[in-house]
PDB file of N, CA and C in Angstrom:
ATOM      1  N   MET A   1     140.071  87.470 117.377  1.00  0.00           N
ATOM      2  CA  MET A   1     139.470  86.825 118.529  1.00  0.00           C
ATOM      3  C   MET A   1     138.134  87.239 118.024  1.00  0.00           C
ATOM      4  N   THR A   2     136.955  85.778 118.140  1.00  0.00           N
ATOM      5  CA  THR A   2     135.190  85.832 117.123  1.00  0.00           C
ATOM      6  C   THR A   2     134.647  86.049 118.094  1.00  0.00           C
ATOM      7  N   ALA A   3     133.299  86.876 117.793  1.00  0.00           N
ATOM      8  CA  ALA A   3     132.545  87.450 118.722  1.00  0.00           C
ATOM      9  C   ALA A   3     131.247  86.019 118.711  1.00  0.00           C
ATOM     10  N   GLN A   4     130.704  85.700 120.033  1.00  0.00           N
ATOM     11  CA  GLN A   4     129.974  84.501 119.970  1.00  0.00           C
ATOM     12  C   GLN A   4     128.620  85.401 119.940  1.00  0.00           C
ATOM     13  N   VAL A   5     127.568  85.018 119.477  1.00  0.00           N
ATOM     14  CA  VAL A   5     126.477  85.814 118.725  1.00  0.00           C
ATOM     15  C   VAL A   5     125.073  84.526 119.569  1.00  0.00           C
ATOM     16  N   THR A   6     124.565  85.237 120.180  1.00  0.00           N
ATOM     17  CA  THR A   6     122.925  84.285 121.020  1.00  0.00           C
ATOM     18  C   THR A   6     122.072  84.400 119.602  1.00  0.00           C
ATOM     19  N   GLU A   7     121.170  82.796 119.457  1.00  0.00           N
ATOM     20  CA  GLU A   7     120.235  83.029 119.236  1.00  0.00           C
ATOM     21  C   GLU A   7     119.686  83.785 119.912  1.00  0.00           C
ATOM     22  N   MET A   8     118.102  84.676 120.046  1.00  0.00           N
ATOM     23  CA  MET A   8     117.097  84.985 120.528  1.00  0.00           C
ATOM     24  C   MET A   8     115.470  84.498 121.057  1.00  0.00           C
ATOM     25  N   ARG A   9     115.781  84.242 119.158  1.00  0.00           N
ATOM     26  CA  ARG A   9     114.300  83.373 118.796  1.00  0.00           C
ATOM     27  C   ARG A   9     114.303  82.116 119.547  1.00  0.00           C
ATOM     28  N   LYS A  10     112.690  81.862 119.703  1.00  0.00           N
ATOM     29  CA  LYS A  10     112.194  80.832 120.610  1.00  0.00           C
ATOM     30  C   LYS A  10     111.692  80.286 119.473  1.00  0.00           C
ATOM     31  N   ASP A  11     111.245  80.783 118.541  1.00  0.00           N
ATOM     32  CA  ASP A  11     110.630  79.911 117.935  1.00  0.00           C
ATOM     33  C   ASP A  11     111.487  79.619 116.343  1.00  0.00           C
ATOM     34  N   ARG A  12     110.981  78.562 115.741  1.00  0.00           N
ATOM     35  CA  ARG A  12     111.821  78.153 114.425  1.00  0.00           C
ATOM     36  C   ARG A  12     111.526  78.544 112.480  1.00  0.00           C
ATOM     37  N   ARG A  13     112.420  79.826 112.249  1.00  0.00           N
ATOM     38  CA  ARG A  13     111.545  80.415 111.051  1.00  0.00           C
ATOM     39  C   ARG A  13     111.349  79.672 109.851  1.00  0.00           C
ATOM     40  N   TYR A  14     110.624  79.752 109.186  1.00  0.00           N
ATOM     41  CA  TYR A  14     110.486  79.424 108.178  1.00  0.00           C
ATOM     42  C   TYR A  14     110.670  80.093 106.765  1.00  0.00           C
ATOM     43  N   ARG A  15     111.537  79.924 105.740  1.00  0.00           N
ATOM     44  CA  ARG A  15     112.335  81.447 105.303  1.00  0.00           C
ATOM     45  C   ARG A  15     110.942  80.906 103.382  1.00  0.00           C
ATOM     46  N   GLY A  16     110.468  81.823 103.183  1.00  0.00           N
ATOM     47  CA  GLY A  16     109.785  81.735 101.869  1.00  0.00           C
ATOM     48  C   GLY A  16     109.250  83.077 101.813  1.00  0.00           C
ATOM     49  N   ALA A  17     108.645  83.264 100.130  1.00  0.00           N
ATOM     50  CA  ALA A  17     108.301  84.203  99.464  1.00  0.00           C
ATOM     51  C   ALA A  17     107.205  84.110  99.520  1.00  0.00           C
ATOM     52  N   TYR A  18     105.905  84.396 100.654  1.00  0.00           N
ATOM     53  CA  TYR A  18     104.145  84.673 100.318  1.00  0.00           C
ATOM     54  C   TYR A  18     103.998  85.609 100.847  1.00  0.00           C
ATOM     55  N   PRO A  19     102.768  85.746  99.305  1.00  0.00           N
ATOM     56  CA  PRO A  19     102.069  87.230  99.902  1.00  0.00           C
ATOM     57  C   PRO A  19     101.393  87.576 100.841  1.00  0.00           C
ATOM     58  N   VAL A  20     101.655  89.254 101.264  1.00  0.00           N
ATOM     59  CA  VAL A  20     101.864  89.512 102.664  1.00  0.00           C
ATOM     60  C   VAL A  20     100.401  90.928 102.030  1.00  0.00           C
ATOM     61  N   PHE A  21      99.295  90.353 102.429  1.00  0.00           N
ATOM     62  CA  PHE A  21      97.990  91.870 101.964  1.00  0.00           C
ATOM     63  C   PHE A  21      97.626  92.818 102.871  1.00  0.00           C
ATOM     64  N   LEU A  22      98.852  93.987 103.072  1.00  0.00           N
ATOM     65  CA  LEU A  22      99.247  94.654 103.853  1.00  0.00           C
ATOM     66  C   LEU A  22      98.224  96.177 103.844  1.00  0.00           C
ATOM     67  N   GLY A  23      96.319  95.907 104.103  1.00  0.00           N
ATOM     68  CA  GLY A  23      96.033  97.337 103.496  1.00  0.00           C
ATOM     69  C   GLY A  23      95.814  97.344 102.160  1.00  0.00           C
ATOM     70  N   ASN A  24      96.675  98.246 101.518  1.00  0.00           N
ATOM     71  CA  ASN A  24      95.941  98.449 100.076  1.00  0.00           C
ATOM     72  C   ASN A  24      97.472  97.328  98.859  1.00  0.00           C
ATOM     73  N   THR A  25      98.743  97.279 100.231  1.00  0.00           N
ATOM     74  CA  THR A  25     100.268  97.141  99.732  1.00  0.00           C
ATOM     75  C   THR A  25     100.030  95.324  99.273  1.00  0.00           C
ATOM     76  N   LEU A  26     100.672  94.848  98.830  1.00  0.00           N
ATOM     77  CA  LEU A  26     101.133  93.851  98.115  1.00  0.00           C
ATOM     78  C   LEU A  26     102.812  93.400  98.756  1.00  0.00           C
ATOM     79  N   CYS A  27     103.479  92.813  99.995  1.00  0.00           N
ATOM     80  CA  CYS A  27     104.250  92.561  99.943  1.00  0.00           C
ATOM     81  C   CYS A  27     104.792  91.217  99.510  1.00  0.00           C
ATOM     82  N   ALA A  28     105.559  90.314 100.404  1.00  0.00           N
ATOM     83  CA  ALA A  28     106.270  89.432 100.584  1.00  0.00           C
ATOM     84  C   ALA A  28     107.089  89.024 101.704  1.00  0.00           C
ATOM     85  N   THR A  29     106.654  87.634 102.330  1.00  0.00           N
ATOM     86  CA  THR A  29     107.699  87.816 103.273  1.00  0.00           C
ATOM     87  C   THR A  29     108.809  87.312 103.031  1.00  0.00           C
ATOM     88  N   ARG A  30     109.724  87.317 104.124  1.00  0.00           N
ATOM     89  CA  ARG A  30     111.444  86.780 103.514  1.00  0.00           C
ATOM     90  C   ARG A  30     111.375  85.381 104.689  1.00  0.00           C
ATOM     91  N   ASP A  31     110.399  85.535 105.763  1.00  0.00           N
ATOM     92  CA  ASP A  31     110.669  84.098 107.297  1.00  0.00           C
ATOM     93  C   ASP A  31     109.275  84.544 108.425  1.00  0.00           C
ATOM     94  N   MET A  32     109.578  83.339 108.088  1.00  0.00           N
ATOM     95  CA  MET A  32     108.073  83.018 109.294  1.00  0.00           C
ATOM     96  C   MET A  32     108.602  82.408 110.297  1.00  0.00           C
ATOM     97  N   SER A  33     107.590  82.636 111.139  1.00  0.00           N
ATOM     98  CA  SER A  33     107.244  81.447 112.321  1.00  0.00           C
ATOM     99  C   SER A  33     106.246  82.217 113.457  1.00  0.00           C
ATOM    100  N   THR A  34     105.886  81.218 114.389  1.00  0.00           N
ATOM    101  CA  THR A  34     104.677  80.855 114.846  1.00  0.00           C
ATOM    102  C   THR A  34     104.476  82.268 116.112  1.00  0.00           C
ATOM    103  N   SER A  35     105.679  83.190 115.722  1.00  0.00           N
ATOM    104  CA  SER A  35     105.633  83.794 116.971  1.00  0.00           C
ATOM    105  C   SER A  35     105.872  85.361 115.851  1.00  0.00           C
ATOM    106  N   GLY A  36     106.289  84.991 114.708  1.00  0.00           N
ATOM    107  CA  GLY A  36     106.611  86.622 113.949  1.00  0.00           C
ATOM    108  C   GLY A  36     106.825  86.640 112.420  1.00  0.00           C
ATOM    109  N   VAL A  37     107.031  88.040 111.907  1.00  0.00           N
ATOM    110  CA  VAL A  37     106.893  87.373 110.451  1.00  0.00           C
ATOM    111  C   VAL A  37     108.235  88.577 109.937  1.00  0.00           C
ATOM    112  N   TYR A  38     108.885  88.269 108.831  1.00  0.00           N
ATOM    113  CA  TYR A  38     109.962  89.316 108.729  1.00  0.00           C
ATOM    114  C   TYR A  38     108.772  89.332 106.725  1.00  0.00           C
ATOM    115  N   PHE A  39     108.677  91.058 106.099  1.00  0.00           N
ATOM    116  CA  PHE A  39     108.026  90.917 105.141  1.00  0.00           C
ATOM    117  C   PHE A  39     109.106  92.687 104.699  1.00  0.00           C
ATOM    118  N   TRP A  40     109.213  92.470 103.199  1.00  0.00           N
ATOM    119  CA  TRP A  40     109.203  93.642 102.897  1.00  0.00           C
ATOM    120  C   TRP A  40     108.662  93.877 102.269  1.00  0.00           C
ATOM    121  N   LYS A  41     108.321  94.933 101.415  1.00  0.00           N
ATOM    122  CA  LYS A  41     107.996  96.208 101.408  1.00  0.00           C
ATOM    123  C   LYS A  41     108.414  96.940 100.528  1.00  0.00           C
ATOM    124  N   GLU A  42     107.442  97.233  98.894  1.00  0.00           N
ATOM    125  CA  GLU A  42     108.477  98.509  98.463  1.00  0.00           C
ATOM    126  C   GLU A  42     107.862  99.943  98.695  1.00  0.00           C
ATOM    127  N   GLY A  43     108.996 100.747  98.543  1.00  0.00           N
ATOM    128  CA  GLY A  43     108.724 102.569  99.199  1.00  0.00           C
ATOM    129  C   GLY A  43     110.215 102.214 100.186  1.00  0.00           C
ATOM    130  N   LEU A  44     108.929 104.055 100.725  1.00  0.00           N
ATOM    131  CA  LEU A  44     110.018 104.348 102.760  1.00  0.00           C
ATOM    132  C   LEU A  44     108.858 103.477 103.475  1.00  0.00           C
ATOM    133  N   CYS A  45     109.770 103.110 104.522  1.00  0.00           N
ATOM    134  CA  CYS A  45     108.784 103.060 105.452  1.00  0.00           C
ATOM    135  C   CYS A  45     108.426 103.525 106.216  1.00  0.00           C
ATOM    136  N   THR A  46     106.749 103.789 107.113  1.00  0.00           N
ATOM    137  CA  THR A  46     106.480 104.638 107.425  1.00  0.00           C
ATOM    138  C   THR A  46     106.068 104.524 108.875  1.00  0.00           C
ATOM    139  N   TYR A  47     106.937 103.230 109.060  1.00  0.00           N
ATOM    140  CA  TYR A  47     106.025 102.370 110.137  1.00  0.00           C
ATOM    141  C   TYR A  47     106.935 102.205 111.288  1.00  0.00           C
ATOM    142  N   ALA A  48     106.801 102.815 112.814  1.00  0.00           N
ATOM    143  CA  ALA A  48     108.288 102.941 113.589  1.00  0.00           C
ATOM    144  C   ALA A  48     107.920 101.630 114.757  1.00  0.00           C
ATOM    145  N   ARG A  49     109.045 101.258 114.731  1.00  0.00           N
ATOM    146  CA  ARG A  49     108.790 100.192 116.331  1.00  0.00           C
ATOM    147  C   ARG A  49     107.860 100.643 117.736  1.00  0.00           C
ATOM    148  N   GLY A  50     106.615  99.668 117.357  1.00  0.00           N
ATOM    149  CA  GLY A  50     106.021  99.542 118.382  1.00  0.00           C
ATOM    150  C   GLY A  50     104.134  99.334 118.023  1.00  0.00           C
ATOM    151  N   ASP A  51     104.014 100.377 116.524  1.00  0.00           N
ATOM    152  CA  ASP A  51     102.841 100.705 115.315  1.00  0.00           C
ATOM    153  C   ASP A  51     102.530  99.331 115.472  1.00  0.00           C
ATOM    154  N   THR A  52     101.588  99.120 115.877  1.00  0.00           N
ATOM    155  CA  THR A  52     100.506  98.534 115.822  1.00  0.00           C
ATOM    156  C   THR A  52      99.740  97.842 114.093  1.00  0.00           C
ATOM    157  N   LEU A  53     100.081  96.501 113.693  1.00  0.00           N
ATOM    158  CA  LEU A  53      99.762  96.023 112.154  1.00  0.00           C
ATOM    159  C   LEU A  53      98.701  94.834 111.370  1.00  0.00           C
ATOM    160  N   ARG A  54      98.100  95.173 111.070  1.00  0.00           N
ATOM    161  CA  ARG A  54      96.366  94.335 111.029  1.00  0.00           C
ATOM    162  C   ARG A  54      97.106  93.541 109.462  1.00  0.00           C
ATOM    163  N   PHE A  55      97.528  92.306 108.671  1.00  0.00           N
ATOM    164  CA  PHE A  55      97.891  91.573 107.800  1.00  0.00           C
ATOM    165  C   PHE A  55      97.394  90.298 107.528  1.00  0.00           C
ATOM    166  N   ALA A  56      97.167  90.858 106.336  1.00  0.00           N
ATOM    167  CA  ALA A  56      96.741  88.630 105.559  1.00  0.00           C
ATOM    168  C   ALA A  56      98.007  87.950 104.695  1.00  0.00           C
ATOM    169  N   ILE A  57      98.385  86.721 105.307  1.00  0.00           N
ATOM    170  CA  ILE A  57      99.521  85.875 104.469  1.00  0.00           C
ATOM    171  C   ILE A  57      98.902  84.770 104.062  1.00  0.00           C
ATOM    172  N   GLU A  58      98.383  85.223 102.585  1.00  0.00           N
ATOM    173  CA  GLU A  58      98.627  83.570 101.494  1.00  0.00           C
ATOM    174  C   GLU A  58      99.243  82.675 101.609  1.00  0.00           C
ATOM    175  N   LEU A  59      98.882  81.615 102.415  1.00  0.00           N
ATOM    176  CA  LEU A  59     100.180  79.938 102.401  1.00  0.00           C
ATOM    177  C   LEU A  59      98.382  79.083 102.008  1.00  0.00           C
ATOM    178  N   GLU A  60      99.078  78.427 100.630  1.00  0.00           N
ATOM    179  CA  GLU A  60      99.046  77.226  99.412  1.00  0.00           C
ATOM    180  C   GLU A  60      98.952  75.416 100.610  1.00  0.00           C
ATOM    181  N   THR A  61      98.384  75.179 100.824  1.00  0.00           N
ATOM    182  CA  THR A  61      98.665  74.104 101.766  1.00  0.00           C
ATOM    183  C   THR A  61      97.884  72.295 100.841  1.00  0.00           C
ATOM    184  N   ALA A  62      98.017  71.407 101.760  1.00  0.00           N
ATOM    185  CA  ALA A  62      97.865  70.518 101.054  1.00  0.00           C
ATOM    186  C   ALA A  62      95.584  70.425 100.957  1.00  0.00           C
ATOM    187  N   LYS A  63      95.187  71.016 101.216  1.00  0.00           N
ATOM    188  CA  LYS A  63      94.180  71.070 101.407  1.00  0.00           C
ATOM    189  C   LYS A  63      93.491  72.172 100.325  1.00  0.00           C
ATOM    190  N   GLY A  64      94.846  73.026 100.131  1.00  0.00           N
ATOM    191  CA  GLY A  64      93.948  74.496  99.517  1.00  0.00           C
ATOM    192  C   GLY A  64      94.801  75.492 100.069  1.00  0.00           C
ATOM    193  N   ARG A  65      94.274  76.788  99.432  1.00  0.00           N
ATOM    194  CA  ARG A  65      94.385  77.911  99.829  1.00  0.00           C
ATOM    195  C   ARG A  65      94.329  78.642 101.402  1.00  0.00           C
ATOM    196  N   ILE A  66      94.808  78.767 101.688  1.00  0.00           N
ATOM    197  CA  ILE A  66      94.837  80.045 103.565  1.00  0.00           C
ATOM    198  C   ILE A  66      95.514  80.886 103.683  1.00  0.00           C
ATOM    199  N   LEU A  67      94.294  82.589 104.224  1.00  0.00           N
ATOM    200  CA  LEU A  67      94.817  83.154 103.925  1.00  0.00           C
ATOM    201  C   LEU A  67      94.865  83.432 106.051  1.00  0.00           C
ATOM    202  N   TRP A  68      96.274  83.564 106.489  1.00  0.00           N
ATOM    203  CA  TRP A  68      96.419  83.642 108.041  1.00  0.00           C
ATOM    204  C   TRP A  68      96.476  85.099 108.465  1.00  0.00           C
ATOM    205  N   LYS A  69      95.735  84.918 109.042  1.00  0.00           N
ATOM    206  CA  LYS A  69      95.009  86.585 108.707  1.00  0.00           C
ATOM    207  C   LYS A  69      95.755  87.307 110.625  1.00  0.00           C
ATOM    208  N   CYS A  70      97.069  88.035 110.679  1.00  0.00           N
ATOM    209  CA  CYS A  70      98.102  88.368 111.709  1.00  0.00           C
ATOM    210  C   CYS A  70      97.039  89.951 112.456  1.00  0.00           C
ATOM    211  N   ARG A  71      97.261  90.260 113.082  1.00  0.00           N
ATOM    212  CA  ARG A  71      97.955  91.390 114.667  1.00  0.00           C
ATOM    213  C   ARG A  71      99.673  90.991 114.663  1.00  0.00           C
ATOM    214  N   GLY A  72      99.990  92.210 114.594  1.00  0.00           N
ATOM    215  CA  GLY A  72     101.461  92.452 115.292  1.00  0.00           C
ATOM    216  C   GLY A  72     102.312  93.801 115.871  1.00  0.00           C
ATOM    217  N   ALA A  73     103.056  94.143 116.366  1.00  0.00           N
ATOM    218  CA  ALA A  73     103.533  94.900 116.551  1.00  0.00           C
ATOM    219  C   ALA A  73     104.813  95.270 115.776  1.00  0.00           C
ATOM    220  N   VAL A  74     105.159  96.260 115.577  1.00  0.00           N
ATOM    221  CA  VAL A  74     106.387  96.009 114.608  1.00  0.00           C
ATOM    222  C   VAL A  74     107.264  96.358 115.617  1.00  0.00           C
ATOM    223  N   ILE A  75     108.340  95.868 115.680  1.00  0.00           N
ATOM    224  CA  ILE A  75     109.895  95.499 116.474  1.00  0.00           C
ATOM    225  C   ILE A  75     110.723  96.493 115.126  1.00  0.00           C
ATOM    226  N   ARG A  76     111.467  96.022 114.091  1.00  0.00           N
ATOM    227  CA  ARG A  76     111.864  97.371 113.461  1.00  0.00           C
ATOM    228  C   ARG A  76     111.904  97.009 112.274  1.00  0.00           C
ATOM    229  N   THR A  77     112.548  98.039 111.126  1.00  0.00           N
ATOM    230  CA  THR A  77     112.271  98.080 110.044  1.00  0.00           C
ATOM    231  C   THR A  77     113.759  98.643 109.636  1.00  0.00           C
ATOM    232  N   GLU A  78     114.246  98.074 108.402  1.00  0.00           N
ATOM    233  CA  GLU A  78     115.294  98.224 107.835  1.00  0.00           C
ATOM    234  C   GLU A  78     115.119  99.054 106.733  1.00  0.00           C
ATOM    235  N   PRO A  79     115.537  99.669 105.873  1.00  0.00           N
ATOM    236  CA  PRO A  79     115.900 100.003 104.179  1.00  0.00           C
ATOM    237  C   PRO A  79     117.269  98.867 103.401  1.00  0.00           C
ATOM    238  N   ILE A  80     116.078  99.098 102.756  1.00  0.00           N
ATOM    239  CA  ILE A  80     116.397  97.533 101.587  1.00  0.00           C
ATOM    240  C   ILE A  80     117.018  98.559  99.711  1.00  0.00           C
ATOM    241  N   GLY A  81     118.137  99.225 100.261  1.00  0.00           N
ATOM    242  CA  GLY A  81     117.266  99.738  98.721  1.00  0.00           C
ATOM    243  C   GLY A  81     115.750 100.719  98.214  1.00  0.00           C
ATOM    244  N   ASP A  82     114.958 100.617  97.507  1.00  0.00           N
ATOM    245  CA  ASP A  82     113.915 100.388  97.073  1.00  0.00           C
ATOM    246  C   ASP A  82     113.583 100.126  97.585  1.00  0.00           C
ATOM    247  N   MET A  83     113.419  99.216  98.563  1.00  0.00           N
ATOM    248  CA  MET A  83     112.167  98.944  99.619  1.00  0.00           C
ATOM    249  C   MET A  83     112.812  98.965 101.336  1.00  0.00           C
ATOM    250  N   ALA A  84     111.879  97.714 101.459  1.00  0.00           N
ATOM    251  CA  ALA A  84     111.770  98.309 103.103  1.00  0.00           C
ATOM    252  C   ALA A  84     111.226  97.148 104.233  1.00  0.00           C
ATOM    253  N   GLY A  85     112.386  96.418 104.862  1.00  0.00           N
ATOM    254  CA  GLY A  85     112.053  95.410 105.610  1.00  0.00           C
ATOM    255  C   GLY A  85     111.624  95.429 106.558  1.00  0.00           C
ATOM    256  N   VAL A  86     110.336  94.234 106.976  1.00  0.00           N
ATOM    257  CA  VAL A  86     109.581  94.879 108.708  1.00  0.00           C
ATOM    258  C   VAL A  86     109.700  93.693 109.615  1.00  0.00           C
ATOM    259  N   ALA A  87     110.064  93.639 110.671  1.00  0.00           N
ATOM    260  CA  ALA A  87     110.049  92.539 111.161  1.00  0.00           C
ATOM    261  C   ALA A  87     108.877  93.278 112.684  1.00  0.00           C
ATOM    262  N   VAL A  88     107.841  92.143 112.517  1.00  0.00           N
ATOM    263  CA  VAL A  88     106.817  92.132 113.084  1.00  0.00           C
ATOM    264  C   VAL A  88     106.633  90.769 113.801  1.00  0.00           C
ATOM    265  N   LYS A  89     106.184  91.358 115.941  1.00  0.00           N
ATOM    266  CA  LYS A  89     106.143  90.286 117.040  1.00  0.00           C
ATOM    267  C   LYS A  89     104.422  90.388 116.994  1.00  0.00           C
ATOM    268  N   LEU A  90     103.834  89.180 116.653  1.00  0.00           N
ATOM    269  CA  LEU A  90     102.518  88.866 116.134  1.00  0.00           C
ATOM    270  C   LEU A  90     102.187  88.271 117.746  1.00  0.00           C
ATOM    271  N   ILE A  91     100.668  89.414 117.360  1.00  0.00           N
ATOM    272  CA  ILE A  91      99.898  89.417 119.193  1.00  0.00           C
ATOM    273  C   ILE A  91      99.161  88.597 118.910  1.00  0.00           C
ATOM    274  N   GLU A  92      98.554  87.999 117.425  1.00  0.00           N
ATOM    275  CA  GLU A  92      97.559  87.204 117.598  1.00  0.00           C
ATOM    276  C   GLU A  92      96.699  87.078 116.748  1.00  0.00           C
ATOM    277  N   SER A  93      96.376  85.829 115.871  1.00  0.00           N
ATOM    278  CA  SER A  93      96.760  85.499 113.878  1.00  0.00           C
ATOM    279  C   SER A  93      95.006  84.255 114.455  1.00  0.00           C
ATOM    280  N   ASN A  94      94.817  84.435 113.279  1.00  0.00           N
ATOM    281  CA  ASN A  94      93.612  83.080 113.359  1.00  0.00           C
ATOM    282  C   ASN A  94      93.548  82.448 111.144  1.00  0.00           C
ATOM    283  N   MET A  95      94.056  81.397 111.454  1.00  0.00           N
ATOM    284  CA  MET A  95      93.765  80.708 110.500  1.00  0.00           C
ATOM    285  C   MET A  95      92.227  80.636 109.436  1.00  0.00           C
ATOM    286  N   GLU A  96      92.339  81.123 108.808  1.00  0.00           N
ATOM    287  CA  GLU A  96      90.377  80.812 107.264  1.00  0.00           C
ATOM    288  C   GLU A  96      91.003  80.727 105.881  1.00  0.00           C
ATOM    289  N   ALA A  97      90.094  80.065 105.264  1.00  0.00           N
ATOM    290  CA  ALA A  97      89.950  80.305 103.999  1.00  0.00           C
ATOM    291  C   ALA A  97      89.992  81.286 103.098  1.00  0.00           C
ATOM    292  N   PRO A  98      89.631  82.362 102.100  1.00  0.00           N
ATOM    293  CA  PRO A  98      90.452  82.991 101.430  1.00  0.00           C
ATOM    294  C   PRO A  98      88.118  82.849 101.051  1.00  0.00           C
ATOM    295  N   TRP A  99      87.939  84.052 101.137  1.00  0.00           N
ATOM    296  CA  TRP A  99      86.656  84.618 100.775  1.00  0.00           C
ATOM    297  C   TRP A  99      86.059  84.171  99.760  1.00  0.00           C
ATOM    298  N   GLU A 100      86.730  84.006  98.510  1.00  0.00           N
ATOM    299  CA  GLU A 100      85.942  82.916  97.062  1.00  0.00           C
ATOM    300  C   GLU A 100      85.905  81.623  97.840  1.00  0.00           C
ATOM    301  N   ASP A 101      87.231  80.808  98.096  1.00  0.00           N
ATOM    302  CA  ASP A 101      87.030  79.437  98.166  1.00  0.00           C
ATOM    303  C   ASP A 101      85.159  79.494  99.569  1.00  0.00           C
ATOM    304  N   THR A 102      85.426  79.802 100.368  1.00  0.00           N
ATOM    305  CA  THR A 102      84.336  79.843 101.118  1.00  0.00           C
ATOM    306  C   THR A 102      83.104  80.087 100.381  1.00  0.00           C
ATOM    307  N   ILE A 103      82.989  81.105  99.688  1.00  0.00           N
ATOM    308  CA  ILE A 103      81.804  80.731  99.227  1.00  0.00           C
ATOM    309  C   ILE A 103      81.220  80.050  97.486  1.00  0.00           C
ATOM    310  N   ARG A 104      81.944  79.526  97.160  1.00  0.00           N
ATOM    311  CA  ARG A 104      82.250  78.290  96.286  1.00  0.00           C
ATOM    312  C   ARG A 104      82.163  77.072  97.383  1.00  0.00           C
ATOM    313  N   SER A 105      82.724  76.707  98.388  1.00  0.00           N
ATOM    314  CA  SER A 105      82.224  75.799  99.023  1.00  0.00           C
ATOM    315  C   SER A 105      81.194  75.649  99.607  1.00  0.00           C
ATOM    316  N   GLU A 106      80.212  77.009 100.059  1.00  0.00           N
ATOM    317  CA  GLU A 106      79.238  77.322 100.417  1.00  0.00           C
ATOM    318  C   GLU A 106      77.854  76.990  99.558  1.00  0.00           C
ATOM    319  N   MET A 107      78.143  77.049  98.243  1.00  0.00           N
ATOM    320  CA  MET A 107      77.768  77.276  96.687  1.00  0.00           C
ATOM    321  C   MET A 107      77.499  75.297  96.546  1.00  0.00           C
ATOM    322  N   ARG A 108      78.334  74.470  96.763  1.00  0.00           N
ATOM    323  CA  ARG A 108      78.690  73.486  96.668  1.00  0.00           C
ATOM    324  C   ARG A 108      77.700  72.499  97.341  1.00  0.00           C
ATOM    325  N   LYS A 109      78.127  72.970  99.005  1.00  0.00           N
ATOM    326  CA  LYS A 109      77.153  72.532 100.071  1.00  0.00           C
ATOM    327  C   LYS A 109      75.380  72.835  99.639  1.00  0.00           C
ATOM    328  N   ALA A 110      74.864  74.008  98.827  1.00  0.00           N
ATOM    329  CA  ALA A 110      73.969  74.298  98.210  1.00  0.00           C
ATOM    330  C   ALA A 110      72.926  73.709  97.455  1.00  0.00           C
ATOM    331  N   GLY A 111      74.150  73.414  96.492  1.00  0.00           N
ATOM    332  CA  GLY A 111      73.266  73.333  95.187  1.00  0.00           C
ATOM    333  C   GLY A 111      73.259  72.409  95.070  1.00  0.00           C
TER     334      GLY A 111
END
């Protein structure tokens, strides 16, 4: 007998390894959607279900780099060898140009 697994996700997942800036820790995404992100971090995971995290994901677009700044709640963590997987449900997010790109853009306008 084969068990049926019902997909609980509402939003399409996009796979890819993008840089995640979590405090002083550089992580990488495994997949993400408009409602959540799964990323890997090196070392043991000190986060627990329900913890709130602030992080930014660097994305490359046709118009250049952007930072997807996020705040989310940890749904689960998983040990993966000497790394940890962290699943986060997004609470809020916004996209903006990285600081250096914003400064360069403002300097071009001024000069």
